[in-house]
Protein backbone atom coordinates (compact mmCIF):
# COMPACT_ATOMS: atom_id res chain seq x y z
CA MET A 1 -12.79 19.06 -5.31
CA LYS A 2 -15.77 16.45 -4.38
CA VAL A 3 -18.08 18.04 -1.78
CA ILE A 4 -20.92 16.19 0.24
CA GLY A 5 -23.49 18.42 2.05
CA SER A 6 -22.01 20.42 4.89
CA ALA A 7 -18.41 19.72 3.66
CA SER A 8 -18.59 22.62 1.72
CA LYS A 9 -17.96 25.23 4.36
CA THR A 10 -14.86 23.56 5.23
CA VAL A 11 -14.22 23.55 1.23
CA PHE A 12 -14.23 27.21 1.68
CA TYR A 13 -11.75 27.78 4.50
CA LEU A 14 -9.26 24.74 2.90
CA LYS A 15 -9.27 26.62 -0.45
CA LYS A 16 -8.15 29.97 1.62
CA ILE A 17 -5.97 28.28 3.60
CA GLN A 18 -4.20 25.52 1.46
CA GLY A 19 -4.18 27.54 -1.78
CA GLN A 20 -2.68 25.15 -4.27
CA TYR A 21 -2.36 21.93 -2.25
CA PRO A 22 -3.54 18.47 -3.38
CA THR A 23 -7.41 18.15 -3.86
CA TRP A 24 -9.44 16.91 -0.98
CA ARG A 25 -12.27 14.43 -1.33
CA LEU A 26 -14.26 15.12 1.86
CA LEU A 27 -17.27 13.24 3.04
CA TYR A 28 -19.93 14.67 6.08
CA LYS A 29 -21.89 12.52 7.90
CA ILE A 30 -24.45 14.05 10.42
CA LYS A 31 -24.08 11.01 12.94
CA CYS A 32 -22.03 7.37 12.31
CA LYS A 33 -21.00 4.78 14.50
CA SER A 34 -17.59 5.59 13.76
CA THR A 35 -15.34 8.04 11.11
CA GLU A 36 -12.69 5.17 10.79
CA ASN A 37 -15.18 2.49 9.89
CA GLU A 38 -16.72 4.63 7.33
CA LEU A 39 -13.14 5.47 6.06
CA THR A 40 -12.43 2.06 5.75
CA ASN A 41 -15.51 1.10 3.52
CA LEU A 42 -14.60 3.97 1.70
CA LEU A 43 -11.44 2.94 0.74
CA GLY A 44 -12.51 -0.48 0.70
CA TYR A 45 -14.47 0.24 -2.40
CA SER A 46 -11.97 2.62 -4.29
CA GLN A 47 -8.62 2.53 -3.86
CA ILE A 48 -7.12 5.92 -2.81
CA LYS A 49 -5.81 8.07 -5.76
CA LYS A 50 -2.45 9.84 -6.06
CA ASN A 51 -2.94 13.42 -5.02
CA GLN A 52 -6.47 12.68 -3.67
CA PRO A 53 -6.87 12.64 -0.35
CA VAL A 54 -9.83 11.77 1.34
CA ALA A 55 -11.50 12.57 4.78
CA VAL A 56 -14.80 11.58 6.63
CA ILE A 57 -16.31 14.27 9.03
CA ALA A 58 -18.76 13.64 11.64
CA ARG A 59 -21.05 15.80 13.36
CA GLU A 60 -21.41 13.16 16.02
CA GLN A 61 -19.93 9.29 16.12
CA PHE A 62 -21.46 7.07 18.70
CA SER A 63 -18.97 4.10 19.00
CA GLY A 64 -15.25 5.91 18.29
CA VAL A 65 -12.24 3.86 19.60
CA GLY A 66 -9.30 5.55 21.20
CA GLN A 67 -5.90 4.38 21.91
CA ASN A 68 -5.47 0.97 23.52
CA SER A 69 -9.43 0.38 22.71
CA LYS A 70 -10.63 3.30 25.48
CA THR A 71 -13.93 4.67 24.25
CA TRP A 72 -13.50 8.10 22.08
CA VAL A 73 -16.58 10.27 23.68
CA SER A 74 -17.77 12.04 20.33
CA PRO A 75 -20.60 14.45 21.05
CA LYS A 76 -21.86 17.29 18.97
CA GLY A 77 -19.55 20.27 18.85
CA GLY A 78 -16.21 18.52 18.52
CA ILE A 79 -14.44 17.79 14.99
CA TRP A 80 -14.35 14.16 14.83
CA LEU A 81 -12.69 12.79 11.33
CA SER A 82 -10.61 10.42 10.13
CA ALA A 83 -8.33 11.16 7.02
CA ALA A 84 -6.13 9.17 4.53
CA TYR A 85 -3.32 10.29 2.59
CA PRO A 86 -1.54 9.23 -0.58
CA ILE A 87 2.00 8.39 0.11
CA PHE A 88 3.06 6.00 -2.49
CA SER A 89 7.16 5.61 -1.16
CA LYS A 90 9.14 3.32 0.55
CA GLU A 91 11.08 6.73 2.10
CA PHE A 92 8.39 7.91 4.25
CA ALA A 93 9.49 7.57 7.65
CA CYS A 94 6.59 5.93 9.54
CA GLN A 95 8.36 5.56 12.80
CA ILE A 96 8.25 9.29 13.48
CA PHE A 97 5.03 9.96 11.66
CA ASN A 98 2.93 10.66 15.05
CA LEU A 99 5.35 13.17 16.17
CA SER A 100 5.35 15.07 12.80
CA LEU A 101 1.76 15.04 13.07
CA GLY A 102 1.72 16.07 16.84
CA ILE A 103 4.30 19.10 16.11
CA LYS A 104 1.67 20.35 13.63
CA LEU A 105 -0.96 20.47 15.83
CA CYS A 106 1.11 22.07 18.46
CA GLU A 107 2.15 24.94 16.03
CA MET A 108 -1.52 24.76 14.53
CA LEU A 109 -2.95 25.88 17.97
CA ARG A 110 0.50 28.08 18.84
CA GLN A 111 -0.16 30.46 16.08
CA GLU A 112 -3.44 31.03 17.69
CA ASN A 113 -1.73 32.33 21.02
CA ILE A 114 -3.02 28.72 22.48
CA ASN A 115 -0.03 27.26 24.58
CA VAL A 116 -0.70 23.68 24.11
CA CYS A 117 1.91 20.68 24.51
CA LEU A 118 2.42 17.20 22.98
CA LYS A 119 2.11 14.41 25.63
CA TRP A 120 3.62 11.32 24.01
CA PRO A 121 2.99 9.47 21.79
CA ASN A 122 -0.84 11.07 20.53
CA ASP A 123 -2.14 13.87 22.46
CA ILE A 124 -2.45 17.48 22.54
CA PHE A 125 -2.75 18.88 25.73
CA PHE A 126 -3.87 22.42 27.15
CA GLY A 127 -2.30 22.62 30.85
CA SER A 128 -3.54 19.27 32.45
CA LYS A 129 -6.20 18.37 30.11
CA LYS A 130 -6.55 17.04 26.64
CA LEU A 131 -7.62 19.10 23.81
CA ILE A 132 -6.73 16.36 20.77
CA GLY A 133 -6.33 12.95 20.39
CA PHE A 134 -5.10 11.41 17.50
CA LEU A 135 -4.32 7.91 16.11
CA PRO A 136 -1.79 7.54 12.91
CA LYS A 137 -1.62 4.47 11.00
CA VAL A 138 0.76 3.56 8.01
CA ILE A 139 -0.61 1.20 5.20
CA THR A 140 1.57 -0.73 3.06
CA ARG A 141 1.93 -2.74 -0.16
CA GLY A 142 5.13 -4.88 0.67
CA LYS A 143 7.80 -2.25 1.10
CA GLU A 144 5.88 0.44 -0.15
CA ILE A 145 4.06 2.84 2.03
CA ILE A 146 0.75 3.43 0.13
CA TYR A 147 -1.18 5.87 2.13
CA VAL A 148 -1.00 7.26 5.60
CA ARG A 149 -4.20 7.40 8.00
CA VAL A 150 -5.33 9.32 10.95
CA GLY A 151 -8.25 9.51 13.25
CA ILE A 152 -8.48 12.81 14.71
CA GLY A 153 -10.73 14.03 17.50
CA MET A 154 -10.69 17.83 18.60
CA ASN A 155 -13.01 19.22 21.98
CA VAL A 156 -14.09 22.45 20.25
CA LEU A 157 -17.85 23.15 21.49
CA ASN A 158 -18.70 20.05 22.99
CA TYR A 159 -18.95 18.81 26.62
CA THR A 160 -15.76 17.13 27.84
CA PRO A 161 -15.20 14.81 30.77
CA SER A 162 -13.14 16.12 33.58
CA GLU A 163 -9.56 15.09 31.66
CA GLY A 164 -10.54 16.66 28.84
CA VAL A 165 -10.93 20.65 27.40
CA SER A 166 -12.32 21.85 25.08
CA LEU A 167 -11.47 24.94 22.62
CA SER A 168 -14.78 27.05 23.64
CA LYS A 169 -12.96 26.87 27.37
CA VAL A 170 -9.81 27.87 26.45
CA LEU A 171 -10.91 30.80 24.23
CA GLN A 172 -13.58 31.32 26.78
CA THR A 173 -15.95 31.94 23.93
CA LYS A 174 -18.70 29.87 22.21
CA ASN A 175 -17.77 32.04 19.20
CA ILE A 176 -16.08 29.33 17.34
CA ASN A 177 -15.95 28.14 13.30
CA GLN A 178 -15.81 24.62 13.22
CA HIS A 179 -15.33 24.53 9.70
CA TYR A 180 -12.58 26.75 10.13
CA TRP A 181 -10.73 24.75 12.52
CA THR A 182 -11.42 21.39 10.55
CA ALA A 183 -9.83 23.07 7.83
CA LYS A 184 -7.14 24.00 9.72
CA VAL A 185 -6.43 20.22 11.10
CA LEU A 186 -6.82 18.83 7.78
CA LYS A 187 -3.96 21.35 6.67
CA ALA A 188 -1.81 20.08 9.93
CA PHE A 189 -2.27 16.69 8.56
CA TYR A 190 -0.59 17.70 5.14
CA ASP A 191 2.06 19.55 6.89
CA ALA A 192 2.83 16.92 8.66
CA ILE A 193 3.40 14.76 5.76
CA GLU A 194 5.52 17.15 4.08
CA CYS A 195 7.72 17.72 6.97
CA ASN A 196 8.05 14.04 7.75
CA LYS A 197 11.52 13.97 5.82
CA LYS A 198 13.04 16.57 7.94
CA LYS A 199 13.74 14.05 11.08
CA GLU A 200 16.33 16.28 12.92
CA TYR A 201 13.60 18.90 12.63
CA VAL A 202 10.52 16.55 13.69
CA ILE A 203 12.67 15.14 16.83
CA LYS A 204 13.77 18.43 17.83
CA SER A 205 10.39 20.12 17.60
CA ALA A 206 8.90 17.33 19.11
CA ASN A 207 11.11 17.85 21.99
CA LYS A 208 10.28 21.66 22.11
CA PHE A 209 6.82 20.79 22.94
CA LEU A 210 6.95 17.42 25.21
CA CYS A 211 4.90 17.27 28.18
CA LYS A 212 7.04 15.96 30.58
CA SER A 213 4.38 15.93 33.61
CA PHE A 214 2.79 12.78 32.22
CA LEU A 215 4.58 9.68 32.91
CA PRO A 216 3.35 6.50 30.81
CA SER A 217 0.88 4.21 32.59
CA GLY A 218 2.69 2.30 35.53
CA TYR A 219 5.56 4.62 36.56
CA CYS A 220 5.73 6.68 39.71
CA PRO A 221 6.40 10.01 39.32
CA HIS A 222 8.06 10.37 42.63
CA THR A 223 10.68 7.52 40.90
CA TRP A 224 10.89 8.37 37.45
CA LYS A 225 11.17 11.34 35.48
CA ILE A 226 10.69 11.78 31.25
CA LYS A 227 13.93 12.89 30.16
CA ASP A 228 13.34 13.33 26.19
CA ILE A 229 12.09 11.70 22.77
CA ASP A 230 15.07 9.97 21.05
CA PHE A 231 16.23 9.93 17.43
CA ASN A 232 13.83 6.71 16.96
CA GLY A 233 10.90 8.78 18.29
CA ASN A 234 11.06 6.79 21.47
CA LEU A 235 10.20 8.32 24.82
CA ARG A 236 12.79 7.79 27.24
CA ILE A 237 12.23 8.10 30.94
CA GLU A 238 14.85 7.99 33.94
CA ASN A 239 15.59 7.47 37.28
CA GLU A 240 18.60 7.61 39.66
CA THR A 241 20.00 4.42 38.28
CA GLN A 242 18.37 3.77 35.18
CA LEU A 243 17.54 4.93 31.55
CA LYS A 244 14.61 3.59 29.79
CA VAL A 245 13.09 3.62 26.42
CA ILE A 246 9.78 3.45 25.85
CA ARG A 247 8.31 2.52 22.57
CA ARG A 248 5.09 3.21 20.63
CA LEU A 249 3.05 0.30 20.47
């Protein structure tokens, strides 16, 4: 495993948690504009290799971009990373990968008795506040999927805006090991890829974790309500006369 600087502490927990899983290449940045940019540049210089996933981890990023080009606030104390995992397959179910990752992040936290839910399509909520956001992408060559990549932000010890919550607030302690949680996030990414072929399990689990309190933008909660996630990974909402399918952009 190639290790640079502080990533060695994350490696320790990865070895402990992951055992014999494929070798990660981890790069650590004290501060950067965006881990997504850093990962893109890294993959531009050297193609991703089979069995060698790569992740860029930043202590702080000052120009992160979230869903719909929103600013991704990323101060010190959080987990900010971008990771790419080699696939080299035509069979990968890319349309449900966001759900695969979402359910594994939910399972990761619930194993620690943190009762979170999935806000479709790309957020993990604790109560009414955002704990984790993630943006998955699939990179193809012809019909073959070469690798999947994801940007993940998790509030841990950092300050959060009013719509967010940190893990330290949830657990009511500042005694939190960020390297341990970074390793757990990387393992959740790996587990999401492994379970992706089990579509029925993914959809069933996604509906189990689905938060039905937050409708997509533009829909009145007095008129519409969330029904479920369909077999293609789309969100279904309904009112007294209509059933509407919301597709992930």
